[in-house]
Every structure is written in structure tokens, then in C-alpha cells.
Protein backbone atom coordinates (compact mmCIF):
# COMPACT_ATOMS: atom_id res chain seq x y z
CA MET A 1 1.72 -19.89 95.33
CA ILE A 2 3.14 -21.59 91.76
CA ARG A 3 5.87 -23.79 92.61
CA PRO A 4 9.44 -22.24 91.67
CA GLU A 5 9.53 -25.41 88.99
CA ALA A 6 6.38 -24.14 87.44
CA ALA A 7 7.63 -20.28 87.86
CA ALA A 8 11.14 -21.40 86.01
CA MET A 9 8.96 -22.87 83.11
CA LEU A 10 6.45 -20.38 82.22
CA LYS A 11 9.43 -17.54 82.68
CA ARG A 12 11.39 -19.26 79.97
CA TRP A 13 8.77 -19.86 77.77
CA ARG A 14 6.75 -16.23 78.15
CA GLY A 15 8.07 -14.98 74.97
CA VAL A 16 6.00 -17.65 73.01
CA LEU A 17 2.91 -17.30 74.90
CA ILE A 18 3.04 -13.96 75.41
CA ALA A 19 3.43 -14.00 71.38
CA ALA A 20 0.83 -16.77 70.70
CA THR A 21 -1.86 -14.57 73.28
CA LEU A 22 -1.43 -11.78 70.65
CA VAL A 23 -1.80 -13.36 67.78
CA LEU A 24 -4.74 -15.36 68.78
CA LEU A 25 -6.26 -11.81 70.67
CA GLY A 26 -5.49 -10.48 66.43
CA VAL A 27 -7.28 -13.23 65.08
CA TYR A 28 -10.82 -12.68 67.22
CA TRP A 29 -10.67 -9.52 66.51
CA ALA A 30 -9.94 -9.89 62.57
CA LEU A 31 -11.94 -12.49 62.15
CA TRP A 32 -15.06 -12.45 64.82
CA ARG A 33 -15.49 -8.98 66.09
CA GLY A 34 -13.55 -7.10 63.58
CA THR A 35 -15.40 -4.07 61.33
CA GLY A 36 -13.31 -1.57 59.82
CA LEU A 37 -10.13 -0.24 61.84
CA LEU A 38 -10.50 -3.28 64.61
CA GLU A 39 -10.05 -5.43 62.22
CA TRP A 40 -6.98 -3.99 60.51
CA VAL A 41 -5.64 -3.90 63.47
CA GLY A 42 -6.11 -7.81 64.19
CA TYR A 43 -4.43 -8.95 61.49
CA ALA A 44 -1.30 -5.87 62.32
CA MET A 45 -1.48 -7.73 65.85
CA ALA A 46 -1.62 -11.42 64.80
CA GLY A 47 1.62 -10.37 61.82
CA ALA A 48 3.14 -8.95 65.18
CA GLY A 49 2.71 -12.15 67.22
CA ILE A 50 3.78 -14.54 64.90
CA GLY A 51 7.20 -12.71 64.52
CA LEU A 52 7.68 -12.35 68.31
CA GLY A 53 6.77 -16.33 68.39
CA ILE A 54 9.30 -16.54 65.71
CA THR A 55 12.00 -14.90 67.20
CA ALA A 56 10.93 -16.46 70.93
CA VAL A 57 11.23 -19.99 69.25
CA GLN A 58 14.75 -18.97 67.72
CA ARG A 59 15.74 -17.71 72.32
CA LEU A 60 14.81 -20.82 73.34
CA ARG A 61 16.78 -22.88 71.01
CA PHE A 62 19.45 -21.36 71.60
CA ASP A 63 19.14 -21.29 75.80
CA GLN A 64 21.49 -23.78 77.53
CA GLY A 65 20.36 -23.47 80.11
CA HIS A 66 21.35 -21.55 83.79
CA GLY A 67 23.70 -22.61 86.87
CA GLY A 68 26.83 -23.26 84.76
CA PRO A 69 29.86 -21.41 85.97
CA GLY A 70 30.04 -17.78 85.59
CA VAL A 71 28.14 -15.06 84.98
CA VAL A 72 27.53 -12.75 81.62
CA SER A 73 27.07 -9.02 81.46
CA VAL A 74 25.93 -7.13 78.34
CA VAL A 75 26.09 -3.47 78.70
CA GLU A 76 26.22 -1.16 75.55
CA GLY A 77 27.73 -3.32 73.24
CA ARG A 78 29.99 -4.49 75.61
CA ILE A 79 30.03 -8.55 76.62
CA THR A 80 31.44 -9.06 80.72
CA TYR A 81 32.59 -12.69 81.72
CA PHE A 82 33.36 -12.97 85.29
CA GLY A 83 34.07 -16.87 85.63
CA PRO A 84 35.25 -18.72 88.51
CA LEU A 85 38.75 -19.06 87.51
CA GLY A 86 38.85 -15.96 84.88
CA GLY A 87 36.88 -13.70 82.91
CA GLY A 88 37.46 -10.95 81.09
CA VAL A 89 35.73 -8.57 78.37
CA ALA A 90 34.83 -8.25 74.62
CA ASP A 91 33.07 -5.23 72.93
CA LEU A 92 31.51 -6.12 69.90
CA GLU A 93 32.85 -4.20 67.48
CA ALA A 94 36.26 -5.58 68.14
CA LEU A 95 34.78 -8.66 67.73
CA SER A 96 36.83 -10.17 64.82
CA ALA A 97 34.47 -13.87 64.92
CA ILE A 98 32.95 -15.96 66.84
CA THR A 99 32.90 -19.83 67.47
CA PHE A 100 30.69 -22.39 69.69
CA ASP A 101 32.44 -24.74 70.41
CA PRO A 102 30.24 -28.30 71.81
CA ARG A 103 33.62 -30.52 72.90
CA ALA A 104 33.60 -28.18 76.27
CA LYS A 105 31.72 -29.13 79.10
CA PRO A 106 30.37 -27.44 79.10
CA ALA A 107 30.07 -25.97 76.09
CA HIS A 108 31.47 -22.17 75.40
CA TRP A 109 31.18 -19.75 73.09
CA LEU A 110 34.65 -18.30 71.86
CA LEU A 111 34.69 -14.91 71.44
CA ALA A 112 38.08 -13.59 69.62
CA GLN A 113 39.08 -10.60 69.42
CA PRO A 114 42.59 -8.76 67.49
CA GLY A 115 45.56 -8.99 69.42
CA GLN A 116 43.79 -10.99 72.50
CA PRO A 117 43.29 -14.21 73.88
CA SER A 118 39.66 -15.76 72.73
CA LEU A 119 37.30 -15.18 75.64
CA ALA A 120 35.33 -18.29 76.24
CA ILE A 121 31.97 -17.54 77.64
CA PRO A 122 30.03 -20.94 79.54
CA ALA A 123 26.88 -21.06 77.32
CA ASN A 124 25.33 -21.63 80.62
CA ALA A 125 26.32 -19.23 82.45
CA GLU A 126 24.28 -17.16 84.32
CA GLY A 127 22.71 -14.48 81.68
CA ALA A 128 24.68 -16.06 78.59
CA GLN A 129 21.18 -15.63 77.24
CA ALA A 130 21.79 -12.02 77.12
CA LEU A 131 24.36 -12.92 73.86
CA PHE A 132 21.47 -13.37 71.50
CA ASP A 133 20.83 -9.81 71.39
CA ALA A 134 24.60 -8.91 71.56
CA PHE A 135 25.37 -11.29 68.69
CA ALA A 136 22.31 -10.16 66.32
CA HIS A 137 24.11 -6.09 65.72
CA LEU A 138 26.83 -7.57 64.73
CA PRO A 139 27.01 -7.11 60.70
CA GLY A 140 25.87 -10.25 58.43
CA LEU A 141 25.48 -12.45 61.16
CA ARG A 142 22.75 -14.99 61.12
CA ILE A 143 20.72 -15.77 63.27
CA GLY A 144 20.15 -19.17 62.33
CA ALA A 145 23.03 -19.70 62.03
CA LEU A 146 23.88 -18.77 65.13
CA VAL A 147 20.85 -21.05 66.83
CA ASP A 148 21.94 -24.03 64.69
CA ALA A 149 25.81 -23.60 65.96
CA THR A 150 23.94 -24.85 69.30
CA ARG A 151 23.18 -28.11 68.36
CA ALA A 152 26.36 -28.83 66.88
CA SER A 153 27.77 -32.11 69.47
CA THR A 154 31.12 -33.10 67.97
CA ALA A 155 33.43 -30.41 66.33
CA PRO A 156 33.33 -26.11 66.81
CA VAL A 157 31.68 -24.18 64.26
CA LEU A 158 32.46 -20.93 62.95
CA VAL A 159 29.41 -18.69 63.39
CA TRP A 160 30.55 -15.41 62.43
CA GLN A 161 33.19 -13.28 61.41
CA ARG A 162 34.24 -10.52 60.02
CA ASP A 163 35.17 -9.43 56.67
CA GLY A 164 38.63 -8.93 56.04
CA THR A 165 39.92 -10.11 59.63
CA GLY A 166 42.08 -12.84 58.18
CA PRO A 167 41.19 -16.36 59.47
CA ALA A 168 39.89 -17.48 63.10
CA PRO A 169 42.06 -17.50 65.94
CA ARG A 170 43.74 -20.65 66.73
CA THR A 171 41.95 -21.59 69.80
CA ALA A 172 38.70 -22.38 67.94
CA THR A 173 40.49 -25.42 65.70
CA SER A 174 38.76 -28.68 66.18
CA ALA A 175 41.23 -31.36 68.01
CA HIS A 176 42.79 -32.73 64.55
CA GLY A 177 44.05 -29.74 63.65
CA ASN A 178 41.01 -28.38 61.40
CA ARG A 179 38.88 -25.04 60.86
CA PRO A 180 35.90 -25.06 62.72
CA ARG A 181 33.17 -25.68 59.72
CA ARG A 182 31.16 -22.71 59.65
CA LEU A 183 27.21 -22.50 59.05
CA HIS A 184 25.78 -20.92 56.20
């Protein structure tokens, strides 16, 4: 009954729509219907909606689209990528650095692990949006830096590096041999 394009757009924006609904319902309860407990529930619901809305917008900015090569799966802290020409596995606990390389076509996330080659995951691979939640669990990673990295256009961006692991991997350097810039 709904066109596939409209359904896809609604699915992509569902987090923002749910958050907006929570905010509107919370404000309605707090200001026009609320007395006593319902008023405070309305304020709490509006606050939760605002927090969910911020997260939903960050997810939208992180999402690079779909239809890219390969499939990404994240299960219990293990990131698995199956691609047409390769793939691999990376455990979140073993990661030493995450770099976003916009020069690759399509743009890639480079996941570095000690003693192994970097795992390159296309940013628009099926399931790549699950990387947002997986990366959010890394100690010291700023979500803002993660989202800002996806807007880089010319050079690789070092998004996160585990403390005490040494330099980023060689595969994450720019064409001129420079280190990727780091977002703070």
C-alpha cells in the first residue's frame, strides 16, 4: 500500500519520528493535560525524546547509504565483514585504531588490530549502520568525532586510537605519506 521509496524513507527517519512523537506527547501532557504525576511524566518523556532525537540525528549523519559491496554483521563485540573480494573479522576489544578513508570508492572504515592487516569495510555495505553502536562502546571514542569523520572529503581521518598502542597502521596514511588527521 505504501510505495517502496516512501517505506524506505520512513524506515531511515523512524528514529527521528519516534523522538519527535515522544517530545510532542510529553509536552502535551506536561503543559495542557498534566496535573500532579502526569505533568512530571510528560516532562520526563519530553526530555527522553530530546535525547533520543539527538542520537537519531547522529545515526542519520553516520549512515552512508546502502547497496555497497558486502555485508557487515556485529554480534557480541565481533565485527564480521563478508565482501565480494575479501572480508574478515575484528573484535572490538582487540581494535587498536579506527580510520575513515573517504578516498576509497566507496568510502571505507579501516579497523586496525595488532599483528593483523587492517580490515577495510565499505561505509555503505549492507549492515554497516550497526558499526555506529559497536564503535560507541569503545573507551574514549567521541560520537561527534565519529559522525564528523563521515563528512571528510579528502584525507583519511583517524577517529579513534586505543591508548598505548603506538602509531596508526600504514594502510591508514594519506597519499603523501602523512598521518591521517585526528578529530578531537
